[in-house]
Amino acid sequence: MSESYPGKYLIGLTGNIAVGKSLVRKLLAEQGAATIDADRIAHQIMGKGEAAYADIVAAFGAGILDDQGEIKRAVLGEIVFNDAARLRQLEAISHPAIRRRIDQLIREAEAEVVVIEAIKLLEGELKRAVDSVWVVDASPETQLRRLLTKRGMSQSEARRRIALQNPQADKLRQADVIIQNDGPVDAARAQVTRAWAALSF
């Protein structure tokens, strides 16, 4: 059980882009876990009037806004995914707000097991909060194919996004559980079911 969140067992779910983290999060929800999607929270806290909005606009300029004053994530993405320093700047603004929202959701969760899906789980303070680290893995070829077909990226954009990630091998070295996700959904479900049954808390 988590020392920070009495009565809760926290699973940190991570892995690089397009390995299938969201699928595994949904499979864990099928097992009865409460789940938190850090990427979705990142979208929310950028909304007009939300926690990180003003600081992001101040840092990146009004050129990232649409006619309604909302942040155009595609425009912001073009900036940060082509400049590692600007990506770090965005993360420095957004991560504290994301962490506060995650903290709130963990405390409000009714389920005993809470899953936090976060691509940067191991690079921040969340790593110290979780009881178990689950890493979803897939081959670079699978990642590229998913980015091209499911997200509609160009070949160059997809390769750039993959290259900007911290090495997947670093995540795998820190994993308590690895879910291999190159195959069909049923193969991932079988792995999740086995790992869930082996949980001890």
N, C-alpha and C. Protein backbone atom coordinates (compact mmCIF):
# COMPACT_ATOMS: atom_id res chain seq x y z
N MET A 1 0.84 -1.20 0.00
CA MET A 1 0.00 0.00 0.00
C MET A 1 0.87 1.25 0.00
N SER A 2 0.34 2.30 -0.59
CA SER A 2 1.09 3.54 -0.70
C SER A 2 1.20 4.23 0.66
N GLU A 3 2.40 4.71 0.95
CA GLU A 3 2.57 5.48 2.19
C GLU A 3 1.91 6.85 2.07
N SER A 4 1.94 7.40 0.86
CA SER A 4 1.36 8.74 0.65
C SER A 4 -0.16 8.71 0.61
N TYR A 5 -0.72 7.56 0.22
CA TYR A 5 -2.17 7.45 0.05
C TYR A 5 -2.65 6.19 0.78
N PRO A 6 -2.86 6.27 2.09
CA PRO A 6 -3.26 5.11 2.87
C PRO A 6 -4.51 4.43 2.29
N GLY A 7 -4.45 3.09 2.25
CA GLY A 7 -5.58 2.34 1.73
C GLY A 7 -5.61 2.20 0.23
N LYS A 8 -4.63 2.77 -0.45
CA LYS A 8 -4.58 2.71 -1.91
C LYS A 8 -3.30 2.01 -2.36
N TYR A 9 -3.42 1.23 -3.43
CA TYR A 9 -2.27 0.63 -4.09
C TYR A 9 -2.14 1.28 -5.45
N LEU A 10 -1.01 1.94 -5.70
CA LEU A 10 -0.85 2.73 -6.91
C LEU A 10 0.02 2.00 -7.93
N ILE A 11 -0.51 1.85 -9.13
CA ILE A 11 0.25 1.32 -10.26
C ILE A 11 0.60 2.49 -11.17
N GLY A 12 1.89 2.66 -11.42
CA GLY A 12 2.33 3.65 -12.39
C GLY A 12 2.48 2.97 -13.74
N LEU A 13 1.74 3.43 -14.72
CA LEU A 13 1.72 2.81 -16.05
C LEU A 13 2.42 3.74 -17.04
N THR A 14 3.48 3.24 -17.67
CA THR A 14 4.24 4.11 -18.56
C THR A 14 4.77 3.33 -19.76
N GLY A 15 5.54 4.01 -20.59
CA GLY A 15 6.05 3.47 -21.84
C GLY A 15 6.06 4.61 -22.85
N ASN A 16 6.82 4.46 -23.89
CA ASN A 16 6.97 5.54 -24.86
C ASN A 16 5.76 5.67 -25.78
N ILE A 17 5.81 6.64 -26.66
CA ILE A 17 4.69 6.95 -27.53
C ILE A 17 4.29 5.74 -28.38
N ALA A 18 2.98 5.53 -28.48
CA ALA A 18 2.38 4.52 -29.38
C ALA A 18 2.73 3.09 -29.03
N VAL A 19 3.06 2.82 -27.77
CA VAL A 19 3.26 1.43 -27.36
C VAL A 19 1.94 0.79 -26.92
N GLY A 20 0.92 1.61 -26.67
CA GLY A 20 -0.38 1.08 -26.28
C GLY A 20 -0.70 1.20 -24.80
N LYS A 21 -0.22 2.27 -24.18
CA LYS A 21 -0.49 2.48 -22.75
C LYS A 21 -1.98 2.59 -22.46
N SER A 22 -2.69 3.31 -23.31
CA SER A 22 -4.12 3.54 -23.05
C SER A 22 -4.91 2.24 -23.11
N LEU A 23 -4.53 1.34 -23.99
CA LEU A 23 -5.18 0.04 -24.04
C LEU A 23 -4.99 -0.69 -22.72
N VAL A 24 -3.77 -0.72 -22.22
CA VAL A 24 -3.49 -1.43 -20.97
C VAL A 24 -4.23 -0.76 -19.81
N ARG A 25 -4.30 0.57 -19.82
CA ARG A 25 -5.08 1.27 -18.78
C ARG A 25 -6.54 0.82 -18.81
N LYS A 26 -7.11 0.69 -19.99
CA LYS A 26 -8.51 0.25 -20.10
C LYS A 26 -8.66 -1.20 -19.65
N LEU A 27 -7.69 -2.03 -19.95
CA LEU A 27 -7.74 -3.42 -19.50
C LEU A 27 -7.65 -3.51 -17.98
N LEU A 28 -6.87 -2.64 -17.36
CA LEU A 28 -6.80 -2.60 -15.90
C LEU A 28 -8.12 -2.10 -15.30
N ALA A 29 -8.78 -1.17 -15.99
CA ALA A 29 -10.10 -0.73 -15.53
C ALA A 29 -11.09 -1.88 -15.56
N GLU A 30 -10.96 -2.76 -16.55
CA GLU A 30 -11.83 -3.95 -16.61
C GLU A 30 -11.64 -4.84 -15.38
N GLN A 31 -10.44 -4.81 -14.81
CA GLN A 31 -10.14 -5.61 -13.62
C GLN A 31 -10.65 -4.96 -12.34
N GLY A 32 -11.10 -3.72 -12.43
CA GLY A 32 -11.65 -3.04 -11.26
C GLY A 32 -10.83 -1.88 -10.74
N ALA A 33 -9.75 -1.55 -11.41
CA ALA A 33 -8.92 -0.43 -10.97
C ALA A 33 -9.57 0.91 -11.33
N ALA A 34 -9.33 1.91 -10.51
CA ALA A 34 -9.61 3.29 -10.90
C ALA A 34 -8.43 3.75 -11.76
N THR A 35 -8.69 4.50 -12.82
CA THR A 35 -7.61 4.88 -13.71
C THR A 35 -7.56 6.39 -13.93
N ILE A 36 -6.34 6.87 -14.08
CA ILE A 36 -6.08 8.30 -14.29
C ILE A 36 -5.20 8.44 -15.53
N ASP A 37 -5.61 9.29 -16.45
CA ASP A 37 -4.87 9.52 -17.70
C ASP A 37 -4.20 10.89 -17.61
N ALA A 38 -2.88 10.89 -17.37
CA ALA A 38 -2.17 12.15 -17.20
C ALA A 38 -2.20 13.00 -18.47
N ASP A 39 -2.24 12.36 -19.64
CA ASP A 39 -2.28 13.11 -20.89
C ASP A 39 -3.60 13.87 -21.01
N ARG A 40 -4.68 13.24 -20.60
CA ARG A 40 -5.98 13.92 -20.63
C ARG A 40 -5.99 15.10 -19.66
N ILE A 41 -5.39 14.90 -18.50
CA ILE A 41 -5.29 16.01 -17.54
C ILE A 41 -4.47 17.15 -18.14
N ALA A 42 -3.39 16.80 -18.87
CA ALA A 42 -2.57 17.83 -19.51
C ALA A 42 -3.41 18.67 -20.46
N HIS A 43 -4.32 18.04 -21.19
CA HIS A 43 -5.22 18.78 -22.07
C HIS A 43 -6.10 19.73 -21.25
N GLN A 44 -6.64 19.20 -20.16
CA GLN A 44 -7.58 19.97 -19.35
C GLN A 44 -6.94 21.20 -18.74
N ILE A 45 -5.73 21.07 -18.21
CA ILE A 45 -5.13 22.19 -17.48
C ILE A 45 -4.63 23.29 -18.43
N MET A 46 -4.67 23.02 -19.74
CA MET A 46 -4.33 24.04 -20.73
C MET A 46 -5.56 24.82 -21.19
N GLY A 47 -6.73 24.40 -20.75
CA GLY A 47 -7.95 25.08 -21.16
C GLY A 47 -8.00 26.52 -20.64
N LYS A 48 -8.73 27.34 -21.35
CA LYS A 48 -8.84 28.76 -20.98
C LYS A 48 -9.33 28.90 -19.55
N GLY A 49 -8.56 29.61 -18.73
CA GLY A 49 -8.92 29.81 -17.33
C GLY A 49 -8.48 28.69 -16.41
N GLU A 50 -7.88 27.63 -16.97
CA GLU A 50 -7.42 26.52 -16.15
C GLU A 50 -6.02 26.79 -15.59
N ALA A 51 -5.52 25.83 -14.80
CA ALA A 51 -4.35 26.05 -13.96
C ALA A 51 -3.09 26.52 -14.69
N ALA A 52 -2.81 25.96 -15.88
CA ALA A 52 -1.55 26.28 -16.55
C ALA A 52 -1.72 27.25 -17.73
N TYR A 53 -2.94 27.62 -18.00
CA TYR A 53 -3.23 28.40 -19.22
C TYR A 53 -2.42 29.70 -19.31
N ALA A 54 -2.52 30.52 -18.30
CA ALA A 54 -1.89 31.85 -18.36
C ALA A 54 -0.38 31.75 -18.51
N ASP A 55 0.23 30.82 -17.77
CA ASP A 55 1.69 30.69 -17.83
C ASP A 55 2.15 30.18 -19.19
N ILE A 56 1.37 29.28 -19.80
CA ILE A 56 1.73 28.76 -21.12
C ILE A 56 1.62 29.86 -22.17
N VAL A 57 0.56 30.65 -22.11
CA VAL A 57 0.40 31.75 -23.08
C VAL A 57 1.51 32.78 -22.89
N ALA A 58 1.85 33.06 -21.64
CA ALA A 58 2.93 34.02 -21.38
C ALA A 58 4.26 33.51 -21.93
N ALA A 59 4.49 32.22 -21.85
CA ALA A 59 5.76 31.65 -22.29
C ALA A 59 5.85 31.48 -23.80
N PHE A 60 4.71 31.17 -24.44
CA PHE A 60 4.75 30.81 -25.86
C PHE A 60 4.06 31.83 -26.78
N GLY A 61 3.39 32.80 -26.19
CA GLY A 61 2.84 33.89 -26.99
C GLY A 61 1.43 33.65 -27.48
N ALA A 62 0.78 34.74 -27.85
CA ALA A 62 -0.62 34.69 -28.29
C ALA A 62 -0.78 33.97 -29.62
N GLY A 63 0.30 33.71 -30.31
CA GLY A 63 0.23 33.00 -31.59
C GLY A 63 -0.24 31.57 -31.46
N ILE A 64 -0.26 31.03 -30.24
CA ILE A 64 -0.72 29.66 -30.05
C ILE A 64 -2.22 29.59 -29.79
N LEU A 65 -2.90 30.74 -29.79
CA LEU A 65 -4.33 30.79 -29.45
C LEU A 65 -5.21 30.80 -30.69
N ASP A 66 -6.40 30.21 -30.56
CA ASP A 66 -7.38 30.29 -31.63
C ASP A 66 -8.26 31.53 -31.45
N ASP A 67 -9.29 31.67 -32.26
CA ASP A 67 -10.14 32.86 -32.21
C ASP A 67 -10.92 32.98 -30.91
N GLN A 68 -11.10 31.85 -30.22
CA GLN A 68 -11.82 31.87 -28.93
C GLN A 68 -10.86 32.01 -27.74
N GLY A 69 -9.57 32.14 -28.03
CA GLY A 69 -8.59 32.29 -26.97
C GLY A 69 -8.14 30.97 -26.36
N GLU A 70 -8.53 29.85 -26.97
CA GLU A 70 -8.07 28.55 -26.49
C GLU A 70 -6.72 28.22 -27.11
N ILE A 71 -5.91 27.47 -26.38
CA ILE A 71 -4.61 27.05 -26.89
C ILE A 71 -4.80 26.02 -28.00
N LYS A 72 -4.18 26.29 -29.13
CA LYS A 72 -4.19 25.33 -30.24
C LYS A 72 -3.07 24.34 -30.00
N ARG A 73 -3.45 23.15 -29.58
CA ARG A 73 -2.45 22.16 -29.18
C ARG A 73 -1.56 21.74 -30.35
N ALA A 74 -2.12 21.75 -31.55
CA ALA A 74 -1.31 21.38 -32.72
C ALA A 74 -0.20 22.39 -32.94
N VAL A 75 -0.52 23.67 -32.76
CA VAL A 75 0.48 24.73 -32.94
C VAL A 75 1.53 24.65 -31.84
N LEU A 76 1.07 24.47 -30.61
CA LEU A 76 2.01 24.33 -29.49
C LEU A 76 2.89 23.10 -29.69
N GLY A 77 2.28 22.02 -30.17
CA GLY A 77 3.04 20.80 -30.42
C GLY A 77 4.13 21.00 -31.46
N GLU A 78 3.82 21.77 -32.50
CA GLU A 78 4.83 22.04 -33.53
C GLU A 78 6.04 22.75 -32.93
N ILE A 79 5.79 23.60 -31.95
CA ILE A 79 6.89 24.32 -31.30
C ILE A 79 7.72 23.38 -30.44
N VAL A 80 7.04 22.67 -29.53
CA VAL A 80 7.79 21.91 -28.52
C VAL A 80 8.37 20.61 -29.04
N PHE A 81 7.73 20.02 -30.05
CA PHE A 81 8.26 18.75 -30.55
C PHE A 81 9.34 18.95 -31.60
N ASN A 82 9.71 20.18 -31.83
CA ASN A 82 10.85 20.48 -32.69
C ASN A 82 11.98 21.16 -31.93
N ASP A 83 11.81 21.28 -30.60
CA ASP A 83 12.80 21.99 -29.80
C ASP A 83 12.76 21.43 -28.37
N ALA A 84 13.75 20.62 -28.05
CA ALA A 84 13.75 19.94 -26.75
C ALA A 84 13.73 20.92 -25.58
N ALA A 85 14.39 22.07 -25.74
CA ALA A 85 14.42 23.07 -24.66
C ALA A 85 13.03 23.64 -24.42
N ARG A 86 12.30 23.87 -25.51
CA ARG A 86 10.94 24.41 -25.37
C ARG A 86 9.99 23.36 -24.78
N LEU A 87 10.24 22.09 -25.11
CA LEU A 87 9.45 21.02 -24.51
C LEU A 87 9.68 20.98 -23.00
N ARG A 88 10.92 21.11 -22.58
CA ARG A 88 11.21 21.14 -21.14
C ARG A 88 10.56 22.34 -20.48
N GLN A 89 10.52 23.46 -21.19
CA GLN A 89 9.88 24.66 -20.65
C GLN A 89 8.38 24.42 -20.43
N LEU A 90 7.74 23.80 -21.42
CA LEU A 90 6.31 23.49 -21.28
C LEU A 90 6.07 22.53 -20.12
N GLU A 91 6.91 21.53 -20.00
CA GLU A 91 6.75 20.55 -18.92
C GLU A 91 6.95 21.19 -17.55
N ALA A 92 7.88 22.13 -17.46
CA ALA A 92 8.12 22.81 -16.18
C ALA A 92 6.89 23.60 -15.74
N ILE A 93 6.13 24.10 -16.72
CA ILE A 93 4.90 24.83 -16.41
C ILE A 93 3.76 23.87 -16.09
N SER A 94 3.61 22.85 -16.91
CA SER A 94 2.41 22.01 -16.83
C SER A 94 2.48 20.91 -15.78
N HIS A 95 3.66 20.35 -15.54
CA HIS A 95 3.75 19.18 -14.67
C HIS A 95 3.27 19.44 -13.23
N PRO A 96 3.61 20.58 -12.60
CA PRO A 96 3.08 20.78 -11.23
C PRO A 96 1.55 20.81 -11.18
N ALA A 97 0.93 21.41 -12.20
CA ALA A 97 -0.54 21.46 -12.23
C ALA A 97 -1.12 20.07 -12.48
N ILE A 98 -0.48 19.29 -13.33
CA ILE A 98 -0.92 17.92 -13.58
C ILE A 98 -0.80 17.10 -12.30
N ARG A 99 0.32 17.27 -11.60
CA ARG A 99 0.55 16.50 -10.36
C ARG A 99 -0.50 16.83 -9.31
N ARG A 100 -0.88 18.09 -9.18
CA ARG A 100 -1.91 18.46 -8.20
C ARG A 100 -3.25 17.81 -8.54
N ARG A 101 -3.59 17.79 -9.84
CA ARG A 101 -4.86 17.17 -10.24
C ARG A 101 -4.83 15.66 -10.01
N ILE A 102 -3.71 15.04 -10.30
CA ILE A 102 -3.59 13.59 -10.06
C ILE A 102 -3.74 13.29 -8.57
N ASP A 103 -3.10 14.08 -7.74
CA ASP A 103 -3.21 13.91 -6.29
C ASP A 103 -4.67 13.95 -5.85
N GLN A 104 -5.41 14.91 -6.38
CA GLN A 104 -6.83 15.05 -6.03
C GLN A 104 -7.62 13.80 -6.47
N LEU A 105 -7.35 13.33 -7.68
CA LEU A 105 -8.10 12.19 -8.21
C LEU A 105 -7.77 10.90 -7.45
N ILE A 106 -6.51 10.73 -7.05
CA ILE A 106 -6.16 9.55 -6.26
C ILE A 106 -6.94 9.55 -4.95
N ARG A 107 -6.97 10.69 -4.29
CA ARG A 107 -7.64 10.78 -2.99
C ARG A 107 -9.15 10.57 -3.12
N GLU A 108 -9.70 10.95 -4.27
CA GLU A 108 -11.15 10.81 -4.47
C GLU A 108 -11.55 9.42 -4.96
N ALA A 109 -10.60 8.64 -5.45
CA ALA A 109 -10.91 7.33 -6.03
C ALA A 109 -11.49 6.38 -4.99
N GLU A 110 -12.53 5.66 -5.38
CA GLU A 110 -13.16 4.70 -4.47
C GLU A 110 -12.52 3.33 -4.54
N ALA A 111 -11.88 3.01 -5.67
CA ALA A 111 -11.24 1.70 -5.81
C ALA A 111 -9.95 1.64 -5.00
N GLU A 112 -9.58 0.44 -4.58
CA GLU A 112 -8.37 0.26 -3.80
C GLU A 112 -7.12 0.41 -4.67
N VAL A 113 -7.21 -0.08 -5.91
CA VAL A 113 -6.09 0.01 -6.85
C VAL A 113 -6.33 1.19 -7.79
N VAL A 114 -5.34 2.06 -7.88
CA VAL A 114 -5.42 3.23 -8.76
C VAL A 114 -4.27 3.16 -9.75
N VAL A 115 -4.59 3.29 -11.03
CA VAL A 115 -3.60 3.25 -12.10
C VAL A 115 -3.40 4.66 -12.64
N ILE A 116 -2.14 5.08 -12.72
CA ILE A 116 -1.80 6.39 -13.26
C ILE A 116 -1.00 6.18 -14.54
N GLU A 117 -1.62 6.50 -15.67
CA GLU A 117 -0.91 6.40 -16.95
C GLU A 117 -0.21 7.72 -17.22
N ALA A 118 1.11 7.68 -17.35
CA ALA A 118 1.89 8.90 -17.58
C ALA A 118 3.17 8.57 -18.32
N ILE A 119 3.38 9.21 -19.46
CA ILE A 119 4.56 8.91 -20.26
C ILE A 119 5.84 9.33 -19.54
N LYS A 120 5.77 10.37 -18.70
CA LYS A 120 6.95 10.84 -17.96
C LYS A 120 6.91 10.42 -16.49
N LEU A 121 6.26 9.32 -16.21
CA LEU A 121 6.11 8.84 -14.83
C LEU A 121 7.45 8.71 -14.12
N LEU A 122 8.43 8.12 -14.79
CA LEU A 122 9.70 7.80 -14.15
C LEU A 122 10.67 8.97 -14.11
N GLU A 123 10.32 10.05 -14.79
CA GLU A 123 11.20 11.21 -14.82
C GLU A 123 10.84 12.24 -13.76
N GLY A 124 9.76 12.01 -13.02
CA GLY A 124 9.31 13.00 -12.05
C GLY A 124 9.02 12.39 -10.69
N GLU A 125 8.34 13.15 -9.86
CA GLU A 125 8.12 12.73 -8.47
C GLU A 125 7.07 11.63 -8.35
N LEU A 126 6.27 11.42 -9.39
CA LEU A 126 5.27 10.35 -9.33
C LEU A 126 5.91 8.99 -9.12
N LYS A 127 7.11 8.83 -9.62
CA LYS A 127 7.81 7.55 -9.46
C LYS A 127 7.89 7.14 -8.00
N ARG A 128 8.11 8.12 -7.11
CA ARG A 128 8.26 7.82 -5.69
C ARG A 128 6.92 7.51 -5.03
N ALA A 129 5.82 7.89 -5.68
CA ALA A 129 4.51 7.71 -5.07
C ALA A 129 3.89 6.35 -5.38
N VAL A 130 4.30 5.72 -6.49
CA VAL A 130 3.63 4.49 -6.89
C VAL A 130 4.24 3.27 -6.20
N ASP A 131 3.41 2.24 -6.08
CA ASP A 131 3.84 0.99 -5.45
C ASP A 131 4.45 0.02 -6.47
N SER A 132 4.04 0.16 -7.71
CA SER A 132 4.49 -0.76 -8.75
C SER A 132 4.55 -0.01 -10.08
N VAL A 133 5.59 -0.30 -10.86
CA VAL A 133 5.76 0.33 -12.17
C VAL A 133 5.48 -0.71 -13.25
N TRP A 134 4.49 -0.42 -14.08
CA TRP A 134 4.16 -1.27 -15.22
C TRP A 134 4.59 -0.53 -16.48
N VAL A 135 5.37 -1.19 -17.32
CA VAL A 135 5.83 -0.58 -18.57
C VAL A 135 5.24 -1.36 -19.75
N VAL A 136 4.60 -0.63 -20.64
CA VAL A 136 4.08 -1.22 -21.88
C VAL A 136 5.17 -1.09 -22.93
N ASP A 137 5.42 -2.18 -23.65
CA ASP A 137 6.48 -2.19 -24.63
C ASP A 137 5.95 -2.63 -25.99
N ALA A 138 6.54 -2.08 -27.03
CA ALA A 138 6.24 -2.48 -28.41
C ALA A 138 7.46 -2.17 -29.25
N SER A 139 7.59 -2.84 -30.37
CA SER A 139 8.76 -2.63 -31.22
C SER A 139 8.70 -1.25 -31.87
N PRO A 140 9.85 -0.70 -32.25
CA PRO A 140 9.86 0.58 -32.97
C PRO A 140 9.02 0.52 -34.24
N GLU A 141 8.98 -0.62 -34.89
CA GLU A 141 8.18 -0.76 -36.11
C GLU A 141 6.69 -0.63 -35.80
N THR A 142 6.28 -1.23 -34.68
CA THR A 142 4.88 -1.11 -34.27
C THR A 142 4.54 0.33 -33.90
N GLN A 143 5.43 0.97 -33.15
CA GLN A 143 5.20 2.37 -32.79
C GLN A 143 5.02 3.23 -34.04
N LEU A 144 5.92 3.08 -34.98
CA LEU A 144 5.86 3.88 -36.21
C LEU A 144 4.57 3.62 -36.96
N ARG A 145 4.20 2.36 -37.10
CA ARG A 145 2.97 2.01 -37.83
C ARG A 145 1.75 2.63 -37.15
N ARG A 146 1.70 2.60 -35.84
CA ARG A 146 0.55 3.16 -35.13
C ARG A 146 0.47 4.68 -35.30
N LEU A 147 1.62 5.34 -35.26
CA LEU A 147 1.62 6.79 -35.44
C LEU A 147 1.17 7.18 -36.84
N LEU A 148 1.56 6.39 -37.82
CA LEU A 148 1.18 6.68 -39.21
C LEU A 148 -0.30 6.39 -39.45
N THR A 149 -0.79 5.26 -38.93
CA THR A 149 -2.15 4.83 -39.27
C THR A 149 -3.21 5.35 -38.31
N LYS A 150 -2.89 5.38 -37.01
CA LYS A 150 -3.90 5.77 -36.02
C LYS A 150 -3.90 7.26 -35.73
N ARG A 151 -2.74 7.90 -35.86
CA ARG A 151 -2.66 9.32 -35.55
C ARG A 151 -2.45 10.18 -36.78
N GLY A 152 -2.29 9.54 -37.92
CA GLY A 152 -2.20 10.28 -39.17
C GLY A 152 -0.96 11.13 -39.33
N MET A 153 0.12 10.78 -38.65
CA MET A 153 1.35 11.57 -38.75
C MET A 153 2.10 11.23 -40.03
N SER A 154 2.87 12.18 -40.49
CA SER A 154 3.79 11.90 -41.59
C SER A 154 4.94 11.05 -41.07
N GLN A 155 5.66 10.41 -41.98
CA GLN A 155 6.79 9.59 -41.59
C GLN A 155 7.83 10.40 -40.81
N SER A 156 8.12 11.61 -41.29
CA SER A 156 9.14 12.43 -40.63
C SER A 156 8.68 12.88 -39.25
N GLU A 157 7.41 13.26 -39.14
CA GLU A 157 6.89 13.70 -37.84
C GLU A 157 6.88 12.54 -36.84
N ALA A 158 6.46 11.38 -37.31
CA ALA A 158 6.41 10.21 -36.42
C ALA A 158 7.81 9.85 -35.91
N ARG A 159 8.78 9.87 -36.80
CA ARG A 159 10.15 9.53 -36.39
C ARG A 159 10.69 10.58 -35.43
N ARG A 160 10.33 11.83 -35.64
CA ARG A 160 10.79 12.91 -34.75
C ARG A 160 10.19 12.74 -33.36
N ARG A 161 8.90 12.40 -33.29
CA ARG A 161 8.25 12.20 -31.99
C ARG A 161 8.89 11.04 -31.23
N ILE A 162 9.18 9.96 -31.95
CA ILE A 162 9.82 8.81 -31.31
C ILE A 162 11.21 9.17 -30.80
N ALA A 163 11.94 9.92 -31.62
CA ALA A 163 13.32 10.28 -31.26
C ALA A 163 13.38 11.20 -30.04
N LEU A 164 12.32 12.00 -29.81
CA LEU A 164 12.32 12.94 -28.69
C LEU A 164 12.08 12.25 -27.35
N GLN A 165 11.60 11.01 -27.38
CA GLN A 165 11.29 10.30 -26.14
C GLN A 165 12.58 9.90 -25.41
N ASN A 166 12.50 9.83 -24.10
CA ASN A 166 13.58 9.21 -23.35
C ASN A 166 13.65 7.73 -23.74
N PRO A 167 14.81 7.10 -23.71
CA PRO A 167 14.94 5.72 -24.19
C PRO A 167 13.97 4.76 -23.50
N GLN A 168 13.28 3.96 -24.30
CA GLN A 168 12.37 2.96 -23.76
C GLN A 168 13.13 1.98 -22.86
N ALA A 169 14.38 1.70 -23.21
CA ALA A 169 15.18 0.77 -22.40
C ALA A 169 15.32 1.25 -20.96
N ASP A 170 15.37 2.56 -20.75
CA ASP A 170 15.46 3.09 -19.38
C ASP A 170 14.21 2.75 -18.59
N LYS A 171 13.07 2.83 -19.25
CA LYS A 171 11.81 2.50 -18.59
C LYS A 171 11.75 1.00 -18.28
N LEU A 172 12.15 0.20 -19.24
CA LEU A 172 12.09 -1.25 -19.05
C LEU A 172 12.96 -1.70 -17.88
N ARG A 173 14.10 -1.05 -17.70
CA ARG A 173 14.99 -1.42 -16.59
C ARG A 173 14.35 -1.15 -15.22
N GLN A 174 13.41 -0.23 -15.17
CA GLN A 174 12.79 0.13 -13.90
C GLN A 174 11.43 -0.55 -13.69
N ALA A 175 11.04 -1.43 -14.61
CA ALA A 175 9.71 -2.02 -14.57
C ALA A 175 9.60 -3.15 -13.55
N ASP A 176 8.49 -3.18 -12.85
CA ASP A 176 8.11 -4.33 -12.05
C ASP A 176 7.31 -5.32 -12.90
N VAL A 177 6.56 -4.78 -13.86
CA VAL A 177 5.76 -5.59 -14.78
C VAL A 177 5.96 -5.02 -16.18
N ILE A 178 6.15 -5.89 -17.17
CA ILE A 178 6.25 -5.47 -18.56
C ILE A 178 5.12 -6.13 -19.35
N ILE A 179 4.35 -5.31 -20.06
CA ILE A 179 3.30 -5.81 -20.93
C ILE A 179 3.76 -5.62 -22.37
N GLN A 180 3.95 -6.73 -23.07
CA GLN A 180 4.40 -6.66 -24.47
C GLN A 180 3.16 -6.47 -25.34
N ASN A 181 3.16 -5.41 -26.15
CA ASN A 181 1.93 -5.04 -26.84
C ASN A 181 2.15 -4.84 -28.35
N ASP A 182 2.75 -5.84 -28.97
CA ASP A 182 2.86 -5.83 -30.43
C ASP A 182 1.72 -6.61 -31.09
N GLY A 183 1.05 -7.43 -30.32
CA GLY A 183 0.07 -8.35 -30.91
C GLY A 183 -1.37 -7.90 -30.72
N PRO A 184 -2.30 -8.85 -30.79
CA PRO A 184 -3.73 -8.53 -30.65
C PRO A 184 -4.10 -8.14 -29.22
N VAL A 185 -5.28 -7.55 -29.10
CA VAL A 185 -5.76 -7.10 -27.79
C VAL A 185 -5.84 -8.26 -26.80
N ASP A 186 -6.28 -9.42 -27.28
CA ASP A 186 -6.43 -10.56 -26.37
C ASP A 186 -5.10 -10.97 -25.75
N ALA A 187 -4.00 -10.78 -26.49
CA ALA A 187 -2.68 -11.12 -25.95
C ALA A 187 -2.31 -10.16 -24.83
N ALA A 188 -2.61 -8.89 -25.01
CA ALA A 188 -2.36 -7.91 -23.95
C ALA A 188 -3.27 -8.18 -22.75
N ARG A 189 -4.53 -8.52 -23.04
CA ARG A 189 -5.47 -8.79 -21.94
C ARG A 189 -5.00 -9.96 -21.09
N ALA A 190 -4.48 -10.99 -21.72
CA ALA A 190 -4.00 -12.16 -20.98
C ALA A 190 -2.84 -11.80 -20.06
N GLN A 191 -1.95 -10.95 -20.55
CA GLN A 191 -0.81 -10.52 -19.73
C GLN A 191 -1.28 -9.68 -18.54
N VAL A 192 -2.22 -8.77 -18.80
CA VAL A 192 -2.75 -7.92 -17.73
C VAL A 192 -3.46 -8.76 -16.68
N THR A 193 -4.25 -9.74 -17.13
CA THR A 193 -4.98 -10.60 -16.20
C THR A 193 -4.03 -11.37 -15.30
N ARG A 194 -2.93 -11.88 -15.87
CA ARG A 194 -1.95 -12.62 -15.07
C ARG A 194 -1.26 -11.70 -14.07
N ALA A 195 -0.87 -10.52 -14.53
CA ALA A 195 -0.17 -9.59 -13.64
C ALA A 195 -1.09 -9.09 -12.52
N TRP A 196 -2.37 -8.87 -12.85
CA TRP A 196 -3.34 -8.43 -11.85
C TRP A 196 -3.52 -9.51 -10.77
N ALA A 197 -3.61 -10.76 -11.21
CA ALA A 197 -3.81 -11.86 -10.26
C ALA A 197 -2.60 -12.02 -9.32
N ALA A 198 -1.44 -11.55 -9.79
CA ALA A 198 -0.22 -11.69 -8.99
C ALA A 198 0.00 -10.51 -8.03
N LEU A 199 -0.86 -9.49 -8.09
CA LEU A 199 -0.69 -8.34 -7.20
C LEU A 199 -0.77 -8.79 -5.75
N SER A 200 0.09 -8.21 -4.92
CA SER A 200 0.10 -8.54 -3.51
C SER A 200 0.22 -7.27 -2.70
N PHE A 201 -0.81 -6.96 -1.90
CA PHE A 201 -0.78 -5.74 -1.07
C PHE A 201 -1.70 -5.88 0.12
